[in-house]
PDB file of N, CA and C in Angstrom:
ATOM      1  N   MET A   1      58.608 -66.142   7.321  1.00  0.00           N
ATOM      2  CA  MET A   1      58.364 -64.777   7.772  1.00  0.00           C
ATOM      3  C   MET A   1      57.164 -64.213   7.018  1.00  0.00           C
ATOM      4  N   SER A   2      56.244 -63.623   7.741  1.00  0.00           N
ATOM      5  CA  SER A   2      55.064 -63.059   7.094  1.00  0.00           C
ATOM      6  C   SER A   2      55.425 -61.753   6.386  1.00  0.00           C
ATOM      7  N   GLN A   3      54.586 -61.351   5.481  1.00  0.00           N
ATOM      8  CA  GLN A   3      54.805 -60.116   4.719  1.00  0.00           C
ATOM      9  C   GLN A   3      54.731 -58.885   5.621  1.00  0.00           C
ATOM     10  N   ARG A   4      54.044 -58.974   6.739  1.00  0.00           N
ATOM     11  CA  ARG A   4      53.861 -57.843   7.639  1.00  0.00           C
ATOM     12  C   ARG A   4      55.065 -57.604   8.552  1.00  0.00           C
ATOM     13  N   GLU A   5      55.930 -58.595   8.713  1.00  0.00           N
ATOM     14  CA  GLU A   5      57.087 -58.401   9.579  1.00  0.00           C
ATOM     15  C   GLU A   5      58.077 -57.453   8.916  1.00  0.00           C
ATOM     16  N   ARG A   6      58.523 -56.482   9.674  1.00  0.00           N
ATOM     17  CA  ARG A   6      59.466 -55.494   9.156  1.00  0.00           C
ATOM     18  C   ARG A   6      60.684 -55.501  10.054  1.00  0.00           C
ATOM     19  N   GLU A   7      61.817 -55.861   9.496  1.00  0.00           N
ATOM     20  CA  GLU A   7      63.023 -55.987  10.288  1.00  0.00           C
ATOM     21  C   GLU A   7      63.969 -54.805  10.140  1.00  0.00           C
ATOM     22  N   GLU A   8      63.719 -53.958   9.175  1.00  0.00           N
ATOM     23  CA  GLU A   8      64.600 -52.806   8.933  1.00  0.00           C
ATOM     24  C   GLU A   8      63.913 -51.519   9.358  1.00  0.00           C
ATOM     25  N   ARG A   9      64.684 -50.644   9.967  1.00  0.00           N
ATOM     26  CA  ARG A   9      64.169 -49.337  10.391  1.00  0.00           C
ATOM     27  C   ARG A   9      64.795 -48.274   9.495  1.00  0.00           C
ATOM     28  N   LEU A  10      63.986 -47.346   9.052  1.00  0.00           N
ATOM     29  CA  LEU A  10      64.447 -46.243   8.225  1.00  0.00           C
ATOM     30  C   LEU A  10      64.155 -44.952   8.964  1.00  0.00           C
ATOM     31  N   GLN A  11      65.168 -44.135   9.132  1.00  0.00           N
ATOM     32  CA  GLN A  11      64.991 -42.862   9.826  1.00  0.00           C
ATOM     33  C   GLN A  11      65.221 -41.731   8.837  1.00  0.00           C
ATOM     34  N   ILE A  12      64.296 -40.773   8.801  1.00  0.00           N
ATOM     35  CA  ILE A  12      64.453 -39.605   7.944  1.00  0.00           C
ATOM     36  C   ILE A  12      64.188 -38.351   8.772  1.00  0.00           C
ATOM     37  N   MET A  13      64.749 -37.272   8.336  1.00  0.00           N
ATOM     38  CA  MET A  13      64.536 -35.982   8.984  1.00  0.00           C
ATOM     39  C   MET A  13      63.697 -35.123   8.039  1.00  0.00           C
ATOM     40  N   LEU A  14      62.682 -34.460   8.572  1.00  0.00           N
ATOM     41  CA  LEU A  14      61.814 -33.584   7.797  1.00  0.00           C
ATOM     42  C   LEU A  14      61.779 -32.214   8.452  1.00  0.00           C
ATOM     43  N   ASN A  15      61.621 -31.182   7.628  1.00  0.00           N
ATOM     44  CA  ASN A  15      61.404 -29.863   8.222  1.00  0.00           C
ATOM     45  C   ASN A  15      59.912 -29.726   8.527  1.00  0.00           C
ATOM     46  N   ALA A  16      59.522 -28.640   9.135  1.00  0.00           N
ATOM     47  CA  ALA A  16      58.129 -28.459   9.570  1.00  0.00           C
ATOM     48  C   ALA A  16      57.142 -28.509   8.404  1.00  0.00           C
ATOM     49  N   ASP A  17      57.495 -27.906   7.271  1.00  0.00           N
ATOM     50  CA  ASP A  17      56.593 -27.900   6.114  1.00  0.00           C
ATOM     51  C   ASP A  17      56.448 -29.293   5.521  1.00  0.00           C
ATOM     52  N   GLU A  18      57.555 -30.051   5.467  1.00  0.00           N
ATOM     53  CA  GLU A  18      57.501 -31.416   4.946  1.00  0.00           C
ATOM     54  C   GLU A  18      56.658 -32.313   5.850  1.00  0.00           C
ATOM     55  N   LEU A  19      56.828 -32.163   7.162  1.00  0.00           N
ATOM     56  CA  LEU A  19      56.035 -32.940   8.105  1.00  0.00           C
ATOM     57  C   LEU A  19      54.556 -32.603   7.974  1.00  0.00           C
ATOM     58  N   GLN A  20      54.244 -31.318   7.795  1.00  0.00           N
ATOM     59  CA  GLN A  20      52.839 -30.924   7.619  1.00  0.00           C
ATOM     60  C   GLN A  20      52.263 -31.525   6.339  1.00  0.00           C
ATOM     61  N   ALA A  21      53.049 -31.564   5.265  1.00  0.00           N
ATOM     62  CA  ALA A  21      52.587 -32.167   4.016  1.00  0.00           C
ATOM     63  C   ALA A  21      52.313 -33.657   4.217  1.00  0.00           C
ATOM     64  N   LEU A  22      53.184 -34.339   4.964  1.00  0.00           N
ATOM     65  CA  LEU A  22      52.980 -35.752   5.256  1.00  0.00           C
ATOM     66  C   LEU A  22      51.713 -35.955   6.087  1.00  0.00           C
ATOM     67  N   GLU A  23      51.546 -35.131   7.103  1.00  0.00           N
ATOM     68  CA  GLU A  23      50.355 -35.231   7.953  1.00  0.00           C
ATOM     69  C   GLU A  23      49.081 -34.932   7.156  1.00  0.00           C
ATOM     70  N   ASP A  24      49.125 -33.947   6.270  1.00  0.00           N
ATOM     71  CA  ASP A  24      47.964 -33.635   5.436  1.00  0.00           C
ATOM     72  C   ASP A  24      47.607 -34.831   4.551  1.00  0.00           C
ATOM     73  N   PHE A  25      48.633 -35.469   3.959  1.00  0.00           N
ATOM     74  CA  PHE A  25      48.399 -36.657   3.130  1.00  0.00           C
ATOM     75  C   PHE A  25      47.805 -37.773   3.993  1.00  0.00           C
ATOM     76  N   ARG A  26      48.413 -37.977   5.150  1.00  0.00           N
ATOM     77  CA  ARG A  26      47.960 -39.050   6.046  1.00  0.00           C
ATOM     78  C   ARG A  26      46.491 -38.885   6.417  1.00  0.00           C
ATOM     79  N   PHE A  27      46.131 -37.714   6.921  1.00  0.00           N
ATOM     80  CA  PHE A  27      44.755 -37.516   7.370  1.00  0.00           C
ATOM     81  C   PHE A  27      43.784 -37.435   6.191  1.00  0.00           C
ATOM     82  N   GLY A  28      44.211 -36.845   5.092  1.00  0.00           N
ATOM     83  CA  GLY A  28      43.355 -36.762   3.914  1.00  0.00           C
ATOM     84  C   GLY A  28      43.039 -38.113   3.307  1.00  0.00           C
ATOM     85  N   ASN A  29      43.927 -39.075   3.512  1.00  0.00           N
ATOM     86  CA  ASN A  29      43.735 -40.421   2.959  1.00  0.00           C
ATOM     87  C   ASN A  29      43.424 -41.446   4.039  1.00  0.00           C
ATOM     88  N   ARG A  30      43.135 -40.948   5.249  1.00  0.00           N
ATOM     89  CA  ARG A  30      42.734 -41.797   6.369  1.00  0.00           C
ATOM     90  C   ARG A  30      43.732 -42.918   6.648  1.00  0.00           C
ATOM     91  N   MET A  31      45.012 -42.559   6.611  1.00  0.00           N
ATOM     92  CA  MET A  31      46.070 -43.531   6.889  1.00  0.00           C
ATOM     93  C   MET A  31      46.183 -43.690   8.406  1.00  0.00           C
ATOM     94  N   PRO A  32      46.420 -44.896   8.904  1.00  0.00           N
ATOM     95  CA  PRO A  32      46.435 -45.126  10.348  1.00  0.00           C
ATOM     96  C   PRO A  32      47.668 -44.589  11.077  1.00  0.00           C
ATOM     97  N   SER A  33      48.752 -44.335  10.358  1.00  0.00           N
ATOM     98  CA  SER A  33      49.982 -43.881  11.014  1.00  0.00           C
ATOM     99  C   SER A  33      50.866 -43.142  10.020  1.00  0.00           C
ATOM    100  N   ARG A  34      51.866 -42.429  10.548  1.00  0.00           N
ATOM    101  CA  ARG A  34      52.849 -41.787   9.669  1.00  0.00           C
ATOM    102  C   ARG A  34      53.596 -42.837   8.860  1.00  0.00           C
ATOM    103  N   ALA A  35      53.941 -43.945   9.520  1.00  0.00           N
ATOM    104  CA  ALA A  35      54.676 -45.005   8.824  1.00  0.00           C
ATOM    105  C   ALA A  35      53.876 -45.541   7.638  1.00  0.00           C
ATOM    106  N   ALA A  36      52.580 -45.746   7.826  1.00  0.00           N
ATOM    107  CA  ALA A  36      51.734 -46.226   6.731  1.00  0.00           C
ATOM    108  C   ALA A  36      51.689 -45.201   5.600  1.00  0.00           C
ATOM    109  N   ALA A  37      51.617 -43.920   5.960  1.00  0.00           N
ATOM    110  CA  ALA A  37      51.590 -42.864   4.943  1.00  0.00           C
ATOM    111  C   ALA A  37      52.902 -42.832   4.168  1.00  0.00           C
ATOM    112  N   VAL A  38      54.021 -42.956   4.865  1.00  0.00           N
ATOM    113  CA  VAL A  38      55.327 -42.967   4.198  1.00  0.00           C
ATOM    114  C   VAL A  38      55.433 -44.183   3.282  1.00  0.00           C
ATOM    115  N   ARG A  39      54.997 -45.365   3.750  1.00  0.00           N
ATOM    116  CA  ARG A  39      55.046 -46.559   2.889  1.00  0.00           C
ATOM    117  C   ARG A  39      54.184 -46.381   1.647  1.00  0.00           C
ATOM    118  N   GLU A  40      53.002 -45.766   1.793  1.00  0.00           N
ATOM    119  CA  GLU A  40      52.131 -45.532   0.632  1.00  0.00           C
ATOM    120  C   GLU A  40      52.770 -44.556  -0.343  1.00  0.00           C
ATOM    121  N   LEU A  41      53.362 -43.498   0.171  1.00  0.00           N
ATOM    122  CA  LEU A  41      54.032 -42.539  -0.709  1.00  0.00           C
ATOM    123  C   LEU A  41      55.223 -43.176  -1.409  1.00  0.00           C
ATOM    124  N   LEU A  42      55.976 -44.021  -0.707  1.00  0.00           N
ATOM    125  CA  LEU A  42      57.083 -44.742  -1.345  1.00  0.00           C
ATOM    126  C   LEU A  42      56.564 -45.676  -2.433  1.00  0.00           C
ATOM    127  N   ARG A  43      55.471 -46.393  -2.140  1.00  0.00           N
ATOM    128  CA  ARG A  43      54.896 -47.300  -3.138  1.00  0.00           C
ATOM    129  C   ARG A  43      54.496 -46.525  -4.391  1.00  0.00           C
ATOM    130  N   ARG A  44      53.845 -45.391  -4.199  1.00  0.00           N
ATOM    131  CA  ARG A  44      53.435 -44.570  -5.347  1.00  0.00           C
ATOM    132  C   ARG A  44      54.641 -44.010  -6.094  1.00  0.00           C
ATOM    133  N   GLY A  45      55.640 -43.557  -5.355  1.00  0.00           N
ATOM    134  CA  GLY A  45      56.836 -43.011  -5.989  1.00  0.00           C
ATOM    135  C   GLY A  45      57.594 -44.044  -6.793  1.00  0.00           C
ATOM    136  N   LEU A  46      57.710 -45.246  -6.249  1.00  0.00           N
ATOM    137  CA  LEU A  46      58.422 -46.306  -6.955  1.00  0.00           C
ATOM    138  C   LEU A  46      57.657 -46.777  -8.190  1.00  0.00           C
ATOM    139  N   ALA A  47      56.341 -46.623  -8.178  1.00  0.00           N
ATOM    140  CA  ALA A  47      55.525 -47.017  -9.326  1.00  0.00           C
ATOM    141  C   ALA A  47      55.481 -45.935 -10.405  1.00  0.00           C
ATOM    142  N   ALA A  48      55.871 -44.713 -10.040  1.00  0.00           N
ATOM    143  CA  ALA A  48      55.799 -43.593 -10.980  1.00  0.00           C
ATOM    144  C   ALA A  48      56.899 -43.699 -12.027  1.00  0.00           C
ATOM    145  N   GLU A  49      56.620 -43.141 -13.177  1.00  0.00           N
ATOM    146  CA  GLU A  49      57.623 -43.068 -14.228  1.00  0.00           C
ATOM    147  C   GLU A  49      58.029 -41.617 -14.407  1.00  0.00           C
ATOM    148  N   GLY A  50      59.190 -41.407 -14.997  1.00  0.00           N
ATOM    149  CA  GLY A  50      59.623 -40.062 -15.310  1.00  0.00           C
ATOM    150  C   GLY A  50      60.410 -39.384 -14.211  1.00  0.00           C
ATOM    151  N   PHE A  51      60.858 -40.130 -13.212  1.00  0.00           N
ATOM    152  CA  PHE A  51      61.651 -39.504 -12.163  1.00  0.00           C
ATOM    153  C   PHE A  51      63.089 -39.353 -12.633  1.00  0.00           C
ATOM    154  N   LEU A  52      63.790 -38.407 -12.031  1.00  0.00           N
ATOM    155  CA  LEU A  52      65.168 -38.129 -12.405  1.00  0.00           C
ATOM    156  C   LEU A  52      66.144 -38.925 -11.543  1.00  0.00           C
ATOM    157  N   ALA A  53      67.199 -39.429 -12.149  1.00  0.00           N
ATOM    158  CA  ALA A  53      68.266 -40.073 -11.391  1.00  0.00           C
ATOM    159  C   ALA A  53      69.181 -38.981 -10.854  1.00  0.00           C
ATOM    160  N   ALA A  54      69.714 -39.201  -9.676  1.00  0.00           N
ATOM    161  CA  ALA A  54      70.615 -38.218  -9.070  1.00  0.00           C
ATOM    162  C   ALA A  54      71.920 -38.174  -9.847  1.00  0.00           C
ATOM    163  N   GLY A  55      72.410 -36.989 -10.086  1.00  0.00           N
ATOM    164  CA  GLY A  55      73.670 -36.816 -10.791  1.00  0.00           C
ATOM    165  C   GLY A  55      74.859 -36.953  -9.855  1.00  0.00           C
ATOM    166  N   THR A  56      76.031 -36.926 -10.422  1.00  0.00           N
ATOM    167  CA  THR A  56      77.256 -37.004  -9.647  1.00  0.00           C
ATOM    168  C   THR A  56      77.384 -35.779  -8.755  1.00  0.00           C
ATOM    169  N   GLY A  57      77.756 -36.003  -7.512  1.00  0.00           N
ATOM    170  CA  GLY A  57      77.982 -34.906  -6.590  1.00  0.00           C
ATOM    171  C   GLY A  57      76.742 -34.357  -5.919  1.00  0.00           C
ATOM    172  N   VAL A  58      75.579 -34.943  -6.163  1.00  0.00           N
ATOM    173  CA  VAL A  58      74.348 -34.481  -5.530  1.00  0.00           C
ATOM    174  C   VAL A  58      74.320 -35.008  -4.097  1.00  0.00           C
ATOM    175  N   ARG A  59      73.993 -34.130  -3.159  1.00  0.00           N
ATOM    176  CA  ARG A  59      73.985 -34.489  -1.745  1.00  0.00           C
ATOM    177  C   ARG A  59      72.564 -34.790  -1.277  1.00  0.00           C
ATOM    178  N   SER A  60      72.453 -35.543  -0.216  1.00  0.00           N
ATOM    179  CA  SER A  60      71.154 -35.877   0.358  1.00  0.00           C
ATOM    180  C   SER A  60      70.350 -34.625   0.668  1.00  0.00           C
ATOM    181  N   GLN A  61      71.001 -33.606   1.200  1.00  0.00           N
ATOM    182  CA  GLN A  61      70.291 -32.379   1.567  1.00  0.00           C
ATOM    183  C   GLN A  61      69.741 -31.634   0.361  1.00  0.00           C
ATOM    184  N   ASP A  62      70.166 -32.002  -0.849  1.00  0.00           N
ATOM    185  CA  ASP A  62      69.658 -31.367  -2.062  1.00  0.00           C
ATOM    186  C   ASP A  62      68.264 -31.871  -2.445  1.00  0.00           C
ATOM    187  N   PHE A  63      67.814 -32.940  -1.802  1.00  0.00           N
ATOM    188  CA  PHE A  63      66.503 -33.510  -2.102  1.00  0.00           C
ATOM    189  C   PHE A  63      65.533 -33.136  -1.004  1.00  0.00           C
ATOM    190  N   GLY A  64      64.448 -32.483  -1.363  1.00  0.00           N
ATOM    191  CA  GLY A  64      63.421 -32.118  -0.401  1.00  0.00           C
ATOM    192  C   GLY A  64      62.089 -32.686  -0.834  1.00  0.00           C
ATOM    193  N   VAL A  65      61.188 -32.784   0.089  1.00  0.00           N
ATOM    194  CA  VAL A  65      59.849 -33.283  -0.215  1.00  0.00           C
ATOM    195  C   VAL A  65      59.057 -32.252  -1.003  1.00  0.00           C
ATOM    196  N   LEU A  66      59.166 -30.993  -0.617  1.00  0.00           N
ATOM    197  CA  LEU A  66      58.367 -29.937  -1.237  1.00  0.00           C
ATOM    198  C   LEU A  66      59.148 -29.112  -2.240  1.00  0.00           C
ATOM    199  N   ASP A  67      60.468 -29.207  -2.213  1.00  0.00           N
ATOM    200  CA  ASP A  67      61.319 -28.433  -3.129  1.00  0.00           C
ATOM    201  C   ASP A  67      61.475 -29.173  -4.446  1.00  0.00           C
ATOM    202  N   ASN A  68      61.951 -28.456  -5.459  1.00  0.00           N
ATOM    203  CA  ASN A  68      62.253 -29.091  -6.739  1.00  0.00           C
ATOM    204  C   ASN A  68      63.410 -30.051  -6.580  1.00  0.00           C
ATOM    205  N   ALA A  69      63.401 -31.101  -7.358  1.00  0.00           N
ATOM    206  CA  ALA A  69      64.516 -32.042  -7.386  1.00  0.00           C
ATOM    207  C   ALA A  69      65.698 -31.373  -8.070  1.00  0.00           C
ATOM    208  N   PRO A  70      66.917 -31.849  -7.827  1.00  0.00           N
ATOM    209  CA  PRO A  70      68.082 -31.271  -8.494  1.00  0.00           C
ATOM    210  C   PRO A  70      67.902 -31.287 -10.013  1.00  0.00           C
ATOM    211  N   GLY A  71      68.184 -30.177 -10.635  1.00  0.00           N
ATOM    212  CA  GLY A  71      68.061 -30.081 -12.088  1.00  0.00           C
ATOM    213  C   GLY A  71      66.744 -29.473 -12.540  1.00  0.00           C
ATOM    214  N   ASP A  72      65.756 -29.407 -11.650  1.00  0.00           N
ATOM    215  CA  ASP A  72      64.446 -28.852 -12.012  1.00  0.00           C
ATOM    216  C   ASP A  72      64.503 -27.349 -12.227  1.00  0.00           C
ATOM    217  N   GLU A  73      65.490 -26.669 -11.624  1.00  0.00           N
ATOM    218  CA  GLU A  73      65.577 -25.216 -11.763  1.00  0.00           C
ATOM    219  C   GLU A  73      65.693 -24.822 -13.225  1.00  0.00           C
ATOM    220  N   ALA A  74      66.521 -25.532 -13.973  1.00  0.00           N
ATOM    221  CA  ALA A  74      66.726 -25.215 -15.379  1.00  0.00           C
ATOM    222  C   ALA A  74      65.462 -25.454 -16.181  1.00  0.00           C
ATOM    223  N   GLU A  75      64.740 -26.560 -15.853  1.00  0.00           N
ATOM    224  CA  GLU A  75      63.496 -26.850 -16.552  1.00  0.00           C
ATOM    225  C   GLU A  75      62.462 -25.776 -16.284  1.00  0.00           C
ATOM    226  N   GLY A  76      62.325 -25.365 -15.019  1.00  0.00           N
ATOM    227  CA  GLY A  76      61.344 -24.338 -14.671  1.00  0.00           C
ATOM    228  C   GLY A  76      61.639 -23.025 -15.348  1.00  0.00           C
ATOM    229  N   ALA A  77      62.913 -22.671 -15.464  1.00  0.00           N
ATOM    230  CA  ALA A  77      63.294 -21.414 -16.126  1.00  0.00           C
ATOM    231  C   ALA A  77      62.953 -21.477 -17.603  1.00  0.00           C
ATOM    232  N   ALA A  78      63.162 -22.641 -18.231  1.00  0.00           N
ATOM    233  CA  ALA A  78      62.888 -22.785 -19.651  1.00  0.00           C
ATOM    234  C   ALA A  78      61.380 -22.716 -19.900  1.00  0.00           C
ATOM    235  N   GLU A  79      60.585 -23.276 -18.969  1.00  0.00           N
ATOM    236  CA  GLU A  79      59.136 -23.264 -19.144  1.00  0.00           C
ATOM    237  C   GLU A  79      58.556 -21.879 -18.938  1.00  0.00           C
ATOM    238  N   ALA A  80      59.235 -21.043 -18.161  1.00  0.00           N
ATOM    239  CA  ALA A  80      58.733 -19.705 -17.865  1.00  0.00           C
ATOM    240  C   ALA A  80      58.859 -18.782 -19.076  1.00  0.00           C
ATOM    241  N   ASP A  81      59.761 -19.113 -20.001  1.00  0.00           N
ATOM    242  CA  ASP A  81      59.960 -18.275 -21.187  1.00  0.00           C
ATOM    243  C   ASP A  81      58.794 -18.333 -22.135  1.00  0.00           C
TER     244      ASP A  81
END
């Protein structure tokens, strides 16, 4: 099987602002498709360090593309002081 063959499909739901952010990234980086842009963002995210692990009881809807990750509220409040 070649590296380009993709046998798994991933479906995600985005709100209008998240979709616009994806489209802005896609066109700003001259990506050929939304799928390519999502794969690039996943590659960058997986390579990044310092991300937070989800805690117990955290729901999928608690994670947004443009919103703070769960637990960031406390950090932002502490930084504002």
